[in-house]
Amino acid sequence: MLFNIFISDLDDGIKCSLMQFADDTKLSGEADTSEGRATLQEDLDRLEEWVNKNLTKFNKDKCKVLHLGKHNPGVQHRLGSTWLGSSSVERDLGVLVDKQLNMSEQGAAAAKKANRMLGCINKGTTSRDKEVIIPLYSALIRPHLEYCVQFWSPLYKKDVDRQERVQRRAAKVIKGLGSLPMRKG
């Protein structure tokens, strides 16, 4: 509560969109015109002034710029005297987003986590009965595959195939299901 009171005036004078989370601050604005880029830089300067006035600091190593869009000029910005690095992919509220707003990175990360968990189940469980594996799959693997799926919605065939490979691998772990063909649809 005290922290929220402390940072309550952080957005004073800010013209771009400023979002505050528990320990994150995100500034976003249109940078397709010189006026938009100037406004964004002015807001960064205001944030640096606030930090200095309140005797605190941003972790500038974690401050990155994600240039969205095909025709974004990718202009560099600074926070104080530090030039901010550019990033091609960022995690926002647990979802990976790239500069083209493509969510394939999210699908790859989800499949990787699910496969890792499936490997742990495979090595750590001697039983291959449906009654044992399906509850483990439901509790430990499916959440990785379904996390924010409504947001990143796998649209590309390669993303759907990646998710289905995890499911086929899980089916092979269950005694009697490994030889059955997978239904498409």
C-alpha atoms as a PDB file:
ATOM      1  CA  MET A   1       0.000   0.000   0.000  1.00  0.00           C
ATOM      2  CA  LEU A   2       2.784   2.420   0.910  1.00  0.00           C
ATOM      3  CA  PHE A   3       4.559   1.641  -2.353  1.00  0.00           C
ATOM      4  CA  ASN A   4       1.404   2.504  -4.316  1.00  0.00           C
ATOM      5  CA  ILE A   5       1.138   5.798  -2.447  1.00  0.00           C
ATOM      6  CA  PHE A   6       4.827   6.468  -3.080  1.00  0.00           C
ATOM      7  CA  ILE A   7       4.516   6.051  -6.861  1.00  0.00           C
ATOM      8  CA  SER A   8       1.049   7.612  -7.195  1.00  0.00           C
ATOM      9  CA  ASP A   9       2.460  10.739  -8.891  1.00  0.00           C
ATOM     10  CA  LEU A  10       4.752   8.842 -11.284  1.00  0.00           C
ATOM     11  CA  ASP A  11       2.431   9.543 -14.209  1.00  0.00           C
ATOM     12  CA  ASP A  12       2.097  13.304 -13.585  1.00  0.00           C
ATOM     13  CA  GLY A  13       2.709  15.116 -16.878  1.00  0.00           C
ATOM     14  CA  ILE A  14       3.127  11.910 -18.880  1.00  0.00           C
ATOM     15  CA  LYS A  15       1.488  12.175 -22.303  1.00  0.00           C
ATOM     16  CA  CYS A  16       2.062   8.609 -23.542  1.00  0.00           C
ATOM     17  CA  SER A  17       0.441   5.541 -22.047  1.00  0.00           C
ATOM     18  CA  LEU A  18       2.032   4.531 -18.735  1.00  0.00           C
ATOM     19  CA  MET A  19       1.165   1.201 -17.124  1.00  0.00           C
ATOM     20  CA  GLN A  20       2.306   0.335 -13.623  1.00  0.00           C
ATOM     21  CA  PHE A  21       2.499  -3.183 -12.263  1.00  0.00           C
ATOM     22  CA  ALA A  22       3.877  -4.544  -9.004  1.00  0.00           C
ATOM     23  CA  ASP A  23       7.497  -3.881  -9.901  1.00  0.00           C
ATOM     24  CA  ASP A  24       7.261  -2.922 -13.578  1.00  0.00           C
ATOM     25  CA  THR A  25       6.519   0.264 -15.412  1.00  0.00           C
ATOM     26  CA  LYS A  26       5.682   0.229 -19.127  1.00  0.00           C
ATOM     27  CA  LEU A  27       5.637   3.336 -21.259  1.00  0.00           C
ATOM     28  CA  SER A  28       4.175   3.092 -24.735  1.00  0.00           C
ATOM     29  CA  GLY A  29       3.418   5.524 -27.465  1.00  0.00           C
ATOM     30  CA  GLU A  30       3.266   5.976 -31.208  1.00  0.00           C
ATOM     31  CA  ALA A  31       6.683   6.557 -32.691  1.00  0.00           C
ATOM     32  CA  ASP A  32       5.790   6.722 -36.385  1.00  0.00           C
ATOM     33  CA  THR A  33       6.202  10.514 -36.534  1.00  0.00           C
ATOM     34  CA  SER A  34       8.954  12.796 -35.267  1.00  0.00           C
ATOM     35  CA  GLU A  35       6.413  14.404 -32.904  1.00  0.00           C
ATOM     36  CA  GLY A  36       5.476  11.000 -31.459  1.00  0.00           C
ATOM     37  CA  ARG A  37       9.143  10.068 -30.945  1.00  0.00           C
ATOM     38  CA  ALA A  38       9.795  13.432 -29.283  1.00  0.00           C
ATOM     39  CA  THR A  39       6.805  12.970 -26.935  1.00  0.00           C
ATOM     40  CA  LEU A  40       8.042   9.508 -25.995  1.00  0.00           C
ATOM     41  CA  GLN A  41      11.521  10.854 -25.238  1.00  0.00           C
ATOM     42  CA  GLU A  42      10.057  13.752 -23.211  1.00  0.00           C
ATOM     43  CA  ASP A  43       8.099  11.258 -21.131  1.00  0.00           C
ATOM     44  CA  LEU A  44      11.243   9.192 -20.557  1.00  0.00           C
ATOM     45  CA  ASP A  45      12.959  12.389 -19.404  1.00  0.00           C
ATOM     46  CA  ARG A  46      10.025  13.098 -17.026  1.00  0.00           C
ATOM     47  CA  LEU A  47      10.355   9.602 -15.571  1.00  0.00           C
ATOM     48  CA  GLU A  48      14.080  10.135 -15.025  1.00  0.00           C
ATOM     49  CA  GLU A  49      13.359  13.467 -13.293  1.00  0.00           C
ATOM     50  CA  TRP A  50      10.804  11.735 -11.033  1.00  0.00           C
ATOM     51  CA  VAL A  51      13.343   9.054 -10.138  1.00  0.00           C
ATOM     52  CA  ASN A  52      15.989  11.641  -9.253  1.00  0.00           C
ATOM     53  CA  LYS A  53      13.535  13.784  -7.276  1.00  0.00           C
ATOM     54  CA  ASN A  54      12.317  10.769  -5.269  1.00  0.00           C
ATOM     55  CA  LEU A  55      15.797   9.336  -4.663  1.00  0.00           C
ATOM     56  CA  THR A  56      15.045   6.023  -6.337  1.00  0.00           C
ATOM     57  CA  LYS A  57      16.138   4.415  -9.599  1.00  0.00           C
ATOM     58  CA  PHE A  58      15.025   2.252 -12.497  1.00  0.00           C
ATOM     59  CA  ASN A  59      16.943  -0.916 -13.260  1.00  0.00           C
ATOM     60  CA  LYS A  60      18.179   0.408 -16.595  1.00  0.00           C
ATOM     61  CA  ASP A  61      19.638  -2.970 -17.554  1.00  0.00           C
ATOM     62  CA  LYS A  62      16.075  -4.296 -17.682  1.00  0.00           C
ATOM     63  CA  CYS A  63      14.707  -1.304 -19.608  1.00  0.00           C
ATOM     64  CA  LYS A  64      14.169  -2.281 -23.238  1.00  0.00           C
ATOM     65  CA  VAL A  65      12.431  -0.862 -26.283  1.00  0.00           C
ATOM     66  CA  LEU A  66      10.188  -3.103 -28.373  1.00  0.00           C
ATOM     67  CA  HIS A  67       9.667  -1.511 -31.784  1.00  0.00           C
ATOM     68  CA  LEU A  68       6.303  -2.780 -33.064  1.00  0.00           C
ATOM     69  CA  GLY A  69       5.315  -2.897 -36.722  1.00  0.00           C
ATOM     70  CA  LYS A  70       6.933  -3.497 -40.095  1.00  0.00           C
ATOM     71  CA  HIS A  71       7.611   0.141 -40.849  1.00  0.00           C
ATOM     72  CA  ASN A  72       8.791   1.212 -37.413  1.00  0.00           C
ATOM     73  CA  PRO A  73      12.036   3.172 -37.861  1.00  0.00           C
ATOM     74  CA  GLY A  74      13.518   1.674 -34.660  1.00  0.00           C
ATOM     75  CA  VAL A  75      14.739   4.979 -33.220  1.00  0.00           C
ATOM     76  CA  GLN A  76      16.851   4.671 -30.091  1.00  0.00           C
ATOM     77  CA  HIS A  77      15.670   6.267 -26.854  1.00  0.00           C
ATOM     78  CA  ARG A  78      17.464   7.064 -23.649  1.00  0.00           C
ATOM     79  CA  LEU A  79      16.584   7.084 -19.973  1.00  0.00           C
ATOM     80  CA  GLY A  80      18.746   9.762 -18.429  1.00  0.00           C
ATOM     81  CA  SER A  81      22.190   9.306 -19.940  1.00  0.00           C
ATOM     82  CA  THR A  82      21.664   5.593 -20.679  1.00  0.00           C
ATOM     83  CA  TRP A  83      20.686   4.536 -24.175  1.00  0.00           C
ATOM     84  CA  LEU A  84      18.022   1.860 -23.971  1.00  0.00           C
ATOM     85  CA  GLY A  85      18.620  -1.436 -25.719  1.00  0.00           C
ATOM     86  CA  SER A  86      16.256  -2.769 -28.305  1.00  0.00           C
ATOM     87  CA  SER A  87      14.513  -6.126 -28.044  1.00  0.00           C
ATOM     88  CA  SER A  88      12.909  -8.331 -30.685  1.00  0.00           C
ATOM     89  CA  VAL A  89      10.803 -10.309 -28.164  1.00  0.00           C
ATOM     90  CA  GLU A  90       9.419  -9.291 -24.778  1.00  0.00           C
ATOM     91  CA  ARG A  91       7.375 -11.045 -22.121  1.00  0.00           C
ATOM     92  CA  ASP A  92       4.281  -9.069 -21.141  1.00  0.00           C
ATOM     93  CA  LEU A  93       2.168 -10.515 -18.336  1.00  0.00           C
ATOM     94  CA  GLY A  94       3.661 -13.941 -18.987  1.00  0.00           C
ATOM     95  CA  VAL A  95       3.103 -13.969 -22.760  1.00  0.00           C
ATOM     96  CA  LEU A  96       5.959 -13.645 -25.255  1.00  0.00           C
ATOM     97  CA  VAL A  97       5.287 -11.049 -27.959  1.00  0.00           C
ATOM     98  CA  ASP A  98       7.632 -10.202 -30.823  1.00  0.00           C
ATOM     99  CA  LYS A  99       7.949  -6.970 -32.778  1.00  0.00           C
ATOM    100  CA  GLN A 100       5.487  -8.222 -35.428  1.00  0.00           C
ATOM    101  CA  LEU A 101       2.948  -9.197 -32.702  1.00  0.00           C
ATOM    102  CA  ASN A 102       3.548 -12.816 -33.680  1.00  0.00           C
ATOM    103  CA  MET A 103       2.922 -15.284 -30.857  1.00  0.00           C
ATOM    104  CA  SER A 104       4.948 -18.221 -32.248  1.00  0.00           C
ATOM    105  CA  GLU A 105       7.596 -17.669 -29.573  1.00  0.00           C
ATOM    106  CA  GLN A 106       4.894 -18.216 -26.939  1.00  0.00           C
ATOM    107  CA  GLY A 107       3.861 -21.504 -28.555  1.00  0.00           C
ATOM    108  CA  ALA A 108       7.470 -22.696 -28.734  1.00  0.00           C
ATOM    109  CA  ALA A 109       8.097 -21.820 -25.089  1.00  0.00           C
ATOM    110  CA  ALA A 110       4.855 -23.538 -24.007  1.00  0.00           C
ATOM    111  CA  ALA A 111       5.705 -26.704 -25.944  1.00  0.00           C
ATOM    112  CA  LYS A 112       9.224 -26.725 -24.506  1.00  0.00           C
ATOM    113  CA  LYS A 113       7.919 -26.494 -20.917  1.00  0.00           C
ATOM    114  CA  ALA A 114       5.265 -29.142 -21.597  1.00  0.00           C
ATOM    115  CA  ASN A 115       7.842 -31.502 -23.142  1.00  0.00           C
ATOM    116  CA  ARG A 116      10.157 -30.987 -20.188  1.00  0.00           C
ATOM    117  CA  MET A 117       7.343 -31.822 -17.777  1.00  0.00           C
ATOM    118  CA  LEU A 118       6.372 -34.867 -19.861  1.00  0.00           C
ATOM    119  CA  GLY A 119       9.975 -36.066 -19.639  1.00  0.00           C
ATOM    120  CA  CYS A 120       9.842 -35.763 -15.841  1.00  0.00           C
ATOM    121  CA  ILE A 121       6.606 -37.762 -15.751  1.00  0.00           C
ATOM    122  CA  ASN A 122       8.053 -40.383 -18.096  1.00  0.00           C
ATOM    123  CA  LYS A 123      11.211 -40.830 -16.007  1.00  0.00           C
ATOM    124  CA  GLY A 124       9.618 -40.502 -12.602  1.00  0.00           C
ATOM    125  CA  THR A 125       6.560 -42.730 -13.042  1.00  0.00           C
ATOM    126  CA  THR A 126       6.778 -46.480 -13.458  1.00  0.00           C
ATOM    127  CA  SER A 127       3.079 -46.983 -14.230  1.00  0.00           C
ATOM    128  CA  ARG A 128       1.862 -46.377 -17.776  1.00  0.00           C
ATOM    129  CA  ASP A 129      -1.819 -46.894 -16.983  1.00  0.00           C
ATOM    130  CA  LYS A 130      -4.356 -44.318 -18.176  1.00  0.00           C
ATOM    131  CA  GLU A 131      -5.597 -43.852 -14.624  1.00  0.00           C
ATOM    132  CA  VAL A 132      -2.144 -42.596 -13.596  1.00  0.00           C
ATOM    133  CA  ILE A 133      -0.864 -40.707 -16.661  1.00  0.00           C
ATOM    134  CA  ILE A 134      -4.013 -38.789 -17.680  1.00  0.00           C
ATOM    135  CA  PRO A 135      -4.415 -36.972 -14.335  1.00  0.00           C
ATOM    136  CA  LEU A 136      -0.685 -36.124 -14.417  1.00  0.00           C
ATOM    137  CA  TYR A 137      -1.049 -34.862 -17.997  1.00  0.00           C
ATOM    138  CA  SER A 138      -4.109 -32.797 -17.044  1.00  0.00           C
ATOM    139  CA  ALA A 139      -2.446 -31.265 -14.000  1.00  0.00           C
ATOM    140  CA  LEU A 140       1.133 -30.796 -15.181  1.00  0.00           C
ATOM    141  CA  ILE A 141       1.262 -30.587 -18.992  1.00  0.00           C
ATOM    142  CA  ARG A 142      -2.030 -29.164 -20.266  1.00  0.00           C
ATOM    143  CA  PRO A 143      -1.700 -25.917 -18.276  1.00  0.00           C
ATOM    144  CA  HIS A 144       1.523 -25.118 -20.152  1.00  0.00           C
ATOM    145  CA  LEU A 145      -0.132 -25.746 -23.514  1.00  0.00           C
ATOM    146  CA  GLU A 146      -3.262 -23.774 -22.622  1.00  0.00           C
ATOM    147  CA  TYR A 147      -1.775 -20.789 -20.773  1.00  0.00           C
ATOM    148  CA  CYS A 148      -3.148 -17.649 -22.475  1.00  0.00           C
ATOM    149  CA  VAL A 149      -4.065 -19.674 -25.572  1.00  0.00           C
ATOM    150  CA  GLN A 150      -7.074 -17.372 -26.087  1.00  0.00           C
ATOM    151  CA  PHE A 151      -4.633 -14.494 -26.463  1.00  0.00           C
ATOM    152  CA  TRP A 152      -1.868 -16.061 -28.546  1.00  0.00           C
ATOM    153  CA  SER A 153      -4.174 -18.461 -30.420  1.00  0.00           C
ATOM    154  CA  PRO A 154      -1.964 -20.680 -32.591  1.00  0.00           C
ATOM    155  CA  LEU A 155      -2.865 -19.599 -36.125  1.00  0.00           C
ATOM    156  CA  TYR A 156       0.012 -21.063 -38.103  1.00  0.00           C
ATOM    157  CA  LYS A 157       0.222 -24.745 -38.999  1.00  0.00           C
ATOM    158  CA  LYS A 158       3.723 -24.993 -37.509  1.00  0.00           C
ATOM    159  CA  ASP A 159       2.406 -23.716 -34.145  1.00  0.00           C
ATOM    160  CA  VAL A 160      -0.521 -26.158 -34.120  1.00  0.00           C
ATOM    161  CA  ASP A 161       1.792 -29.030 -35.159  1.00  0.00           C
ATOM    162  CA  ARG A 162       4.172 -28.191 -32.301  1.00  0.00           C
ATOM    163  CA  GLN A 163       1.331 -28.468 -29.778  1.00  0.00           C
ATOM    164  CA  GLU A 164       0.069 -31.700 -31.333  1.00  0.00           C
ATOM    165  CA  ARG A 165       3.552 -33.276 -31.166  1.00  0.00           C
ATOM    166  CA  VAL A 166       3.487 -32.835 -27.392  1.00  0.00           C
ATOM    167  CA  GLN A 167       0.073 -34.489 -27.247  1.00  0.00           C
ATOM    168  CA  ARG A 168       1.189 -37.410 -29.452  1.00  0.00           C
ATOM    169  CA  ARG A 169       4.279 -37.892 -27.288  1.00  0.00           C
ATOM    170  CA  ALA A 170       2.078 -37.939 -24.175  1.00  0.00           C
ATOM    171  CA  ALA A 171      -0.225 -40.528 -25.771  1.00  0.00           C
ATOM    172  CA  LYS A 172       2.783 -42.792 -26.398  1.00  0.00           C
ATOM    173  CA  VAL A 173       3.546 -42.786 -22.673  1.00  0.00           C
ATOM    174  CA  ILE A 174       0.149 -44.340 -21.874  1.00  0.00           C
ATOM    175  CA  LYS A 175       0.031 -48.114 -22.166  1.00  0.00           C
ATOM    176  CA  GLY A 176      -2.170 -49.084 -25.115  1.00  0.00           C
ATOM    177  CA  LEU A 177      -2.521 -45.589 -26.631  1.00  0.00           C
ATOM    178  CA  GLY A 178       0.881 -45.276 -28.275  1.00  0.00           C
ATOM    179  CA  SER A 179      -0.076 -47.298 -31.340  1.00  0.00           C
ATOM    180  CA  LEU A 180      -3.444 -45.612 -31.962  1.00  0.00           C
ATOM    181  CA  PRO A 181      -3.565 -43.030 -34.771  1.00  0.00           C
ATOM    182  CA  MET A 182      -4.223 -39.425 -33.738  1.00  0.00           C
ATOM    183  CA  ARG A 183      -7.448 -37.877 -34.996  1.00  0.00           C
ATOM    184  CA  LYS A 184      -7.171 -34.626 -36.884  1.00  0.00           C
ATOM    185  CA  GLY A 185      -9.796 -32.016 -36.288  1.00  0.00           C
END
